[in-house]
N, C-alpha and C. Protein backbone atom coordinates (compact mmCIF):
# COMPACT_ATOMS: atom_id res chain seq x y z
N MET A 1 18.30 -46.61 20.94
CA MET A 1 19.09 -45.44 21.89
C MET A 1 18.49 -45.02 22.90
N ARG A 2 18.99 -44.61 23.99
CA ARG A 2 18.37 -44.34 25.27
C ARG A 2 17.91 -42.68 25.32
N ILE A 3 17.30 -42.26 26.12
CA ILE A 3 16.67 -41.02 26.11
C ILE A 3 17.77 -39.92 25.97
N GLY A 4 18.99 -40.09 26.97
CA GLY A 4 19.96 -39.15 26.98
C GLY A 4 20.54 -38.92 25.92
N GLU A 5 20.85 -40.22 24.87
CA GLU A 5 21.51 -40.15 23.29
C GLU A 5 20.37 -39.26 22.46
N LEU A 6 18.97 -39.84 22.65
CA LEU A 6 17.88 -38.80 21.83
C LEU A 6 17.86 -37.41 22.14
N SER A 7 18.02 -37.42 23.18
CA SER A 7 18.23 -35.46 23.81
C SER A 7 19.03 -35.05 23.12
N ASP A 8 20.59 -35.50 23.29
CA ASP A 8 21.76 -34.81 22.74
C ASP A 8 21.48 -34.56 21.08
N ARG A 9 20.93 -35.84 20.21
CA ARG A 9 21.45 -35.61 18.95
C ARG A 9 20.08 -34.63 18.57
N THR A 10 19.25 -34.61 19.15
CA THR A 10 17.92 -33.85 18.67
C THR A 10 18.03 -32.16 19.47
N SER A 11 19.01 -31.99 20.23
CA SER A 11 18.74 -30.83 21.15
C SER A 11 17.55 -30.37 21.74
N THR A 12 16.91 -31.74 22.16
CA THR A 12 15.71 -31.49 23.01
C THR A 12 15.80 -32.04 24.40
N SER A 13 15.13 -31.23 25.37
CA SER A 13 15.02 -31.88 26.70
C SER A 13 14.84 -33.18 26.82
N ARG A 14 14.99 -33.88 27.99
CA ARG A 14 14.61 -34.94 28.26
C ARG A 14 12.86 -35.01 28.80
N ARG A 15 12.83 -33.69 29.19
CA ARG A 15 11.39 -33.87 29.68
C ARG A 15 10.46 -33.21 28.71
N LEU A 16 10.88 -32.97 27.67
CA LEU A 16 10.14 -32.53 26.60
C LEU A 16 10.05 -33.84 25.78
N LEU A 17 11.25 -34.78 25.31
CA LEU A 17 10.83 -35.82 24.61
C LEU A 17 9.86 -36.56 25.50
N ARG A 18 10.00 -36.85 26.83
CA ARG A 18 8.97 -37.55 27.50
C ARG A 18 7.53 -36.80 27.11
N TYR A 19 7.31 -35.67 26.95
CA TYR A 19 5.89 -35.11 26.92
C TYR A 19 5.95 -35.24 25.40
N TYR A 20 6.31 -35.18 24.56
CA TYR A 20 6.28 -35.66 23.42
C TYR A 20 5.73 -37.22 22.72
N GLU A 21 6.03 -38.29 24.27
CA GLU A 21 5.84 -39.42 23.92
C GLU A 21 4.47 -39.48 24.63
N GLU A 22 4.09 -38.89 25.90
CA GLU A 22 2.65 -38.92 26.27
C GLU A 22 1.67 -38.41 25.25
N GLN A 23 2.09 -37.69 24.30
CA GLN A 23 1.00 -36.88 23.29
C GLN A 23 1.01 -37.73 22.24
N GLY A 24 1.91 -38.81 22.21
CA GLY A 24 1.85 -39.54 20.77
C GLY A 24 2.55 -39.21 19.80
N LEU A 25 3.22 -38.35 20.07
CA LEU A 25 3.95 -37.91 18.80
C LEU A 25 5.53 -38.74 18.29
N ILE A 26 5.98 -39.54 19.85
CA ILE A 26 7.03 -40.38 19.31
C ILE A 26 6.67 -41.64 20.22
N VAL A 27 7.36 -42.59 20.04
CA VAL A 27 7.14 -43.94 20.44
C VAL A 27 8.42 -44.49 21.13
N SER A 28 8.46 -45.08 22.37
CA SER A 28 9.71 -45.99 22.84
C SER A 28 9.11 -47.35 23.34
N THR A 29 10.15 -48.17 23.30
CA THR A 29 10.02 -49.49 23.91
C THR A 29 10.63 -49.66 25.23
N ARG A 30 10.26 -50.12 25.87
CA ARG A 30 10.84 -50.18 27.32
C ARG A 30 11.85 -51.47 27.46
N CYS A 31 13.01 -51.15 28.00
CA CYS A 31 13.87 -52.22 28.68
C CYS A 31 13.67 -52.83 29.40
N ALA A 32 14.49 -54.16 29.75
CA ALA A 32 13.90 -54.87 30.82
C ALA A 32 14.34 -54.03 32.15
N ASN A 33 15.11 -53.36 31.95
CA ASN A 33 15.05 -52.06 33.35
C ASN A 33 14.42 -51.13 33.41
N GLY A 34 13.25 -51.22 32.45
CA GLY A 34 12.63 -49.68 32.20
C GLY A 34 12.80 -48.87 31.60
N TYR A 35 13.86 -48.59 31.48
CA TYR A 35 14.55 -47.41 30.56
C TYR A 35 14.17 -47.40 29.17
N ARG A 36 13.65 -46.05 28.81
CA ARG A 36 12.76 -46.09 27.41
C ARG A 36 14.29 -46.16 26.41
N SER A 37 13.80 -46.89 25.19
CA SER A 37 14.42 -47.09 24.34
C SER A 37 13.99 -46.88 22.81
N TYR A 38 14.45 -46.06 22.01
CA TYR A 38 14.23 -45.24 20.74
C TYR A 38 14.89 -45.80 19.56
N ASP A 39 14.16 -45.74 18.40
CA ASP A 39 14.61 -46.34 17.11
C ASP A 39 15.23 -45.33 16.61
N GLU A 40 16.27 -45.46 15.55
CA GLU A 40 16.75 -44.41 14.77
C GLU A 40 15.88 -43.37 13.95
N PRO A 41 14.56 -44.03 13.54
CA PRO A 41 14.14 -42.97 12.98
C PRO A 41 13.17 -41.98 13.71
N THR A 42 13.38 -42.09 15.14
CA THR A 42 12.99 -41.26 16.11
C THR A 42 13.77 -39.95 15.95
N VAL A 43 14.96 -39.87 15.86
CA VAL A 43 15.94 -38.73 15.71
C VAL A 43 14.88 -37.62 14.44
N ASP A 44 14.75 -38.14 13.51
CA ASP A 44 14.19 -37.51 12.41
C ASP A 44 12.62 -36.78 13.01
N ARG A 45 11.77 -37.96 13.65
CA ARG A 45 10.77 -37.75 14.22
C ARG A 45 10.58 -36.27 15.06
N VAL A 46 11.89 -36.42 15.75
CA VAL A 46 11.54 -35.17 16.81
C VAL A 46 11.91 -33.82 16.07
N ILE A 47 13.05 -33.86 14.84
CA ILE A 47 13.10 -32.73 14.50
C ILE A 47 12.32 -32.41 13.63
N GLN A 48 11.37 -33.26 13.07
CA GLN A 48 10.25 -32.73 12.49
C GLN A 48 8.58 -32.05 13.54
N VAL A 49 8.77 -32.72 14.67
CA VAL A 49 7.76 -32.54 15.58
C VAL A 49 8.32 -31.21 16.08
N ARG A 50 9.61 -30.77 16.25
CA ARG A 50 9.95 -29.20 16.81
C ARG A 50 9.95 -28.39 15.86
N GLY A 51 10.00 -28.62 14.53
CA GLY A 51 10.11 -27.78 13.28
C GLY A 51 8.40 -27.20 13.24
N LEU A 52 7.23 -28.30 13.49
CA LEU A 52 6.14 -28.28 13.32
C LEU A 52 5.80 -27.43 14.66
N LEU A 53 6.31 -27.68 15.76
CA LEU A 53 5.95 -26.62 16.95
C LEU A 53 6.52 -25.34 16.77
N ASP A 54 7.67 -25.30 16.10
CA ASP A 54 8.05 -23.87 15.56
C ASP A 54 7.36 -22.97 15.05
N ALA A 55 6.51 -23.75 14.03
CA ALA A 55 5.88 -23.33 12.83
C ALA A 55 4.14 -22.70 13.67
N GLY A 56 4.04 -23.07 15.07
CA GLY A 56 3.21 -22.84 15.58
C GLY A 56 1.85 -23.76 15.63
N LEU A 57 2.25 -24.75 15.17
CA LEU A 57 1.02 -25.93 15.29
C LEU A 57 0.84 -26.56 16.81
N PRO A 58 -0.26 -26.68 17.28
CA PRO A 58 -0.20 -27.64 18.51
C PRO A 58 -0.03 -28.94 18.43
N THR A 59 0.10 -29.82 19.53
CA THR A 59 0.29 -31.04 19.38
C THR A 59 -0.43 -31.82 19.03
N ARG A 60 -1.82 -31.26 19.11
CA ARG A 60 -2.94 -32.16 18.58
C ARG A 60 -3.23 -32.18 17.29
N ILE A 61 -2.89 -31.23 16.50
CA ILE A 61 -2.63 -31.04 15.18
C ILE A 61 -1.20 -31.78 14.77
N ILE A 62 -0.36 -31.67 15.13
CA ILE A 62 0.59 -32.36 14.88
C ILE A 62 0.57 -33.55 14.90
N LYS A 63 -0.09 -34.43 15.68
CA LYS A 63 -0.40 -35.83 15.73
C LYS A 63 -1.16 -36.57 14.88
N GLN A 64 -1.97 -35.40 14.44
CA GLN A 64 -3.03 -35.78 13.38
C GLN A 64 -2.08 -36.10 11.55
N ILE A 65 -1.19 -34.77 11.83
CA ILE A 65 -0.67 -34.93 10.50
C ILE A 65 0.59 -35.75 10.21
N LEU A 66 1.23 -36.25 11.28
CA LEU A 66 2.60 -37.11 11.28
C LEU A 66 2.49 -38.02 10.36
N PRO A 67 1.19 -39.17 10.05
CA PRO A 67 1.23 -39.90 9.23
C PRO A 67 1.77 -39.31 7.95
N CYS A 68 1.48 -38.10 7.51
CA CYS A 68 1.54 -37.72 6.03
C CYS A 68 3.18 -37.42 5.83
N LEU A 69 3.97 -37.39 6.89
CA LEU A 69 5.43 -36.98 6.84
C LEU A 69 6.21 -38.11 6.57
N ASP A 70 5.58 -39.32 6.52
CA ASP A 70 6.21 -40.76 6.78
C ASP A 70 5.81 -41.41 5.28
N LYS A 71 6.23 -40.81 4.15
CA LYS A 71 5.96 -41.12 2.69
C LYS A 71 7.10 -42.34 2.43
N PRO A 72 6.75 -43.48 1.59
CA PRO A 72 5.58 -43.23 1.16
C PRO A 72 4.30 -44.25 2.23
N ARG A 73 3.10 -43.65 2.41
CA ARG A 73 2.44 -44.46 3.14
C ARG A 73 0.80 -43.55 2.73
N ALA A 74 -0.19 -44.82 2.80
CA ALA A 74 -1.38 -44.13 2.42
C ALA A 74 -2.19 -43.49 3.59
N ILE A 75 -2.70 -42.54 3.54
CA ILE A 75 -3.05 -41.40 4.30
C ILE A 75 -4.45 -41.58 4.33
N HIS A 76 -4.90 -41.90 5.45
CA HIS A 76 -6.52 -41.92 5.64
C HIS A 76 -6.64 -41.66 6.95
N PHE A 77 -7.70 -40.71 7.04
CA PHE A 77 -7.97 -39.77 8.19
C PHE A 77 -9.63 -40.15 8.33
N PRO A 78 -10.02 -40.93 9.05
CA PRO A 78 -11.35 -41.53 9.24
C PRO A 78 -12.02 -40.50 10.10
N ASP A 79 -11.40 -39.42 11.04
CA ASP A 79 -11.90 -38.62 11.98
C ASP A 79 -11.55 -37.08 11.57
N ALA A 80 -11.26 -37.13 10.10
CA ALA A 80 -10.98 -35.76 9.53
C ALA A 80 -12.25 -34.58 9.47
N THR A 81 -12.70 -34.13 10.30
CA THR A 81 -13.52 -33.17 10.42
C THR A 81 -13.71 -31.95 9.52
N PRO A 82 -14.60 -31.44 9.00
CA PRO A 82 -14.36 -30.10 8.61
C PRO A 82 -13.98 -29.04 9.05
N GLN A 83 -13.90 -29.20 10.66
CA GLN A 83 -13.58 -27.96 11.43
C GLN A 83 -11.70 -28.45 11.48
N MET A 84 -11.39 -29.56 11.32
CA MET A 84 -10.00 -30.16 11.31
C MET A 84 -9.41 -29.52 10.21
N LEU A 85 -10.19 -29.74 9.16
CA LEU A 85 -9.33 -29.40 7.88
C LEU A 85 -9.37 -27.70 7.93
N ALA A 86 -10.51 -27.05 8.19
CA ALA A 86 -10.50 -25.66 8.24
C ALA A 86 -9.16 -25.19 9.20
N THR A 87 -9.22 -25.80 10.34
CA THR A 87 -8.08 -25.30 10.91
C THR A 87 -6.42 -25.58 10.38
N LEU A 88 -6.33 -26.39 9.43
CA LEU A 88 -4.99 -26.93 8.79
C LEU A 88 -5.08 -25.85 7.83
N GLU A 89 -6.19 -25.40 7.23
CA GLU A 89 -5.98 -24.61 6.11
C GLU A 89 -5.79 -23.38 6.47
N VAL A 90 -6.04 -22.57 7.90
CA VAL A 90 -5.70 -21.35 8.60
C VAL A 90 -4.41 -21.84 8.85
N GLU A 91 -3.75 -22.76 9.59
CA GLU A 91 -2.13 -22.81 9.76
C GLU A 91 -1.52 -22.71 8.62
N ARG A 92 -1.85 -23.32 7.61
CA ARG A 92 -1.35 -23.17 6.40
C ARG A 92 -0.93 -22.12 5.75
N ASP A 93 -1.96 -21.28 6.09
CA ASP A 93 -1.68 -19.75 5.39
C ASP A 93 -1.04 -18.99 6.15
N ARG A 94 -1.01 -19.17 7.75
CA ARG A 94 -0.41 -18.55 8.39
C ARG A 94 1.39 -18.78 8.48
N MET A 95 1.59 -20.37 8.02
CA MET A 95 2.85 -20.70 7.97
C MET A 95 3.56 -19.93 6.29
N THR A 96 2.48 -19.77 5.48
CA THR A 96 2.79 -19.44 4.06
C THR A 96 3.54 -17.90 4.37
N ARG A 97 2.59 -17.22 5.11
CA ARG A 97 2.85 -15.73 5.44
C ARG A 97 3.92 -15.64 6.20
N ARG A 98 4.17 -16.64 7.08
CA ARG A 98 5.68 -16.43 8.02
C ARG A 98 6.81 -16.82 7.23
N ILE A 99 6.97 -17.76 6.26
CA ILE A 99 7.60 -18.12 5.47
C ILE A 99 7.88 -17.02 4.48
N ASP A 100 6.97 -16.33 3.84
CA ASP A 100 7.27 -15.03 2.97
C ASP A 100 7.82 -13.89 3.96
N CYS A 101 7.60 -13.76 5.19
CA CYS A 101 8.36 -13.16 5.83
C CYS A 101 9.66 -13.44 6.02
N LEU A 102 9.86 -14.76 6.41
CA LEU A 102 11.58 -15.06 6.58
C LEU A 102 12.25 -14.93 5.48
N ILE A 103 11.54 -14.90 4.14
CA ILE A 103 12.62 -15.15 2.87
C ILE A 103 12.60 -13.50 2.78
N ARG A 104 11.68 -12.59 3.18
CA ARG A 104 12.13 -10.99 2.98
C ARG A 104 13.21 -10.56 4.13
N ASN A 105 13.06 -11.08 5.30
CA ASN A 105 14.11 -10.65 6.11
C ASN A 105 15.42 -11.22 6.07
N ARG A 106 15.28 -12.68 5.31
CA ARG A 106 16.75 -13.62 4.77
C ARG A 106 17.33 -12.16 3.69
N ASP A 107 16.47 -11.97 2.63
CA ASP A 107 17.24 -11.44 1.32
C ASP A 107 17.53 -10.10 1.90
N ALA A 108 17.13 -9.13 3.03
CA ALA A 108 17.55 -8.19 3.48
C ALA A 108 18.79 -8.32 4.02
N VAL A 109 18.97 -9.42 4.82
CA VAL A 109 20.38 -9.60 5.52
C VAL A 109 21.53 -10.03 4.66
N VAL A 110 21.11 -10.76 3.62
CA VAL A 110 21.77 -11.14 2.33
C VAL A 110 22.26 -9.62 1.79
N GLU A 111 21.51 -8.58 1.42
CA GLU A 111 21.61 -7.51 0.98
C GLU A 111 22.69 -6.41 1.81
N TYR A 112 22.44 -6.45 2.90
CA TYR A 112 23.03 -5.99 3.88
C TYR A 112 24.72 -6.42 4.14
N LEU A 113 24.50 -7.75 4.17
CA LEU A 113 26.40 -8.28 3.98
C LEU A 113 26.66 -7.97 2.89
N ALA A 114 26.15 -7.87 1.76
CA ALA A 114 26.94 -7.79 0.67
C ALA A 114 27.44 -6.28 0.19
N ALA A 115 26.50 -5.58 0.86
CA ALA A 115 26.73 -3.96 0.87
C ALA A 115 27.92 -3.42 1.79
N VAL A 116 28.13 -4.39 2.94
CA VAL A 116 28.96 -3.86 4.24
C VAL A 116 30.05 -4.77 3.78
N ARG A 117 30.29 -5.85 3.28
CA ARG A 117 31.43 -6.44 2.80
C ARG A 117 32.04 -5.66 1.50
N GLU A 118 31.43 -4.74 0.29
CA GLU A 118 31.57 -4.41 -0.69
C GLU A 118 32.50 -3.08 0.03
N THR A 119 31.89 -2.43 1.02
CA THR A 119 32.53 -0.96 1.50
C THR A 119 33.56 -1.34 2.49
N ALA A 120 33.65 -2.77 2.83
CA ALA A 120 34.59 -2.75 4.35
C ALA A 120 35.88 -3.56 3.43
N ALA A 121 35.90 -3.85 2.26
CA ALA A 121 37.07 -4.46 1.62
C ALA A 121 38.37 -3.83 1.30
N PRO A 122 37.98 -2.67 0.98
CA PRO A 122 39.39 -1.99 1.04
C PRO A 122 40.12 -1.55 2.32
N ALA A 123 38.93 -1.24 3.10
CA ALA A 123 39.49 -0.71 4.41
C ALA A 123 40.05 -1.84 5.13
N THR A 124 39.72 -2.97 4.84
CA THR A 124 40.08 -4.24 6.05
C THR A 124 41.87 -4.27 5.06
N ALA A 125 41.97 -3.96 4.08
CA ALA A 125 43.39 -4.02 3.24
C ALA A 125 44.18 -3.08 3.91
N LEU A 126 43.68 -1.84 4.10
CA LEU A 126 44.54 -0.84 4.72
C LEU A 126 45.03 -0.91 6.12
N ASP A 127 43.71 -1.67 6.88
CA ASP A 127 43.92 -1.71 8.07
C ASP A 127 45.04 -2.70 8.55
N ALA A 128 45.16 -3.61 7.65
CA ALA A 128 46.20 -4.99 7.83
C ALA A 128 47.66 -4.26 7.50
N GLY A 129 47.62 -3.07 6.88
CA GLY A 129 48.95 -2.48 6.60
C GLY A 129 49.21 -2.80 5.34
N LEU A 130 48.21 -3.05 4.41
CA LEU A 130 48.73 -3.62 2.92
C LEU A 130 48.09 -2.36 2.33
N ASP A 131 48.96 -2.33 1.11
CA ASP A 131 48.58 -1.14 0.22
C ASP A 131 47.52 -1.52 -1.12
N ALA A 132 46.35 -1.02 -0.82
CA ALA A 132 45.05 -1.60 -1.69
C ALA A 132 45.31 -1.00 -3.14
N THR A 133 46.38 -0.20 -3.36
CA THR A 133 46.49 0.50 -4.70
C THR A 133 46.99 -0.81 -5.66
N PRO A 134 46.49 -0.82 -7.20
CA PRO A 134 47.33 -1.86 -7.77
C PRO A 134 48.37 -1.79 -8.06
N LEU A 135 49.31 -2.46 -8.54
CA LEU A 135 50.82 -2.30 -9.13
C LEU A 135 50.81 -1.75 -10.44
């Protein structure tokens, strides 16, 4: 697929896709006319990259952990330094805290919606001109 289709399917700008390619996060081939061509799995890869960026990981770390996302695959990092491992542990812990916060916020929204729907249901029937009393 060409870059325009990949952009549409992933809601990612063409400029950002070219940046991902420059960073080695995605790969394209070149057609005879010079246009970029991407294979189908690139759609999922872009979505993964965006999720990792949204989680706060920098592209240099994303590039290193992308092989872990392509299961099954033997994972071997000959250049895994203690500093890189420490950085990944810090990022993992930060993501866990963020996930916990998101879960708390989601649960609060669910409770709020339930409370609003519970109190709004009888009023909605009355507003519609319906009798809310049982027959």
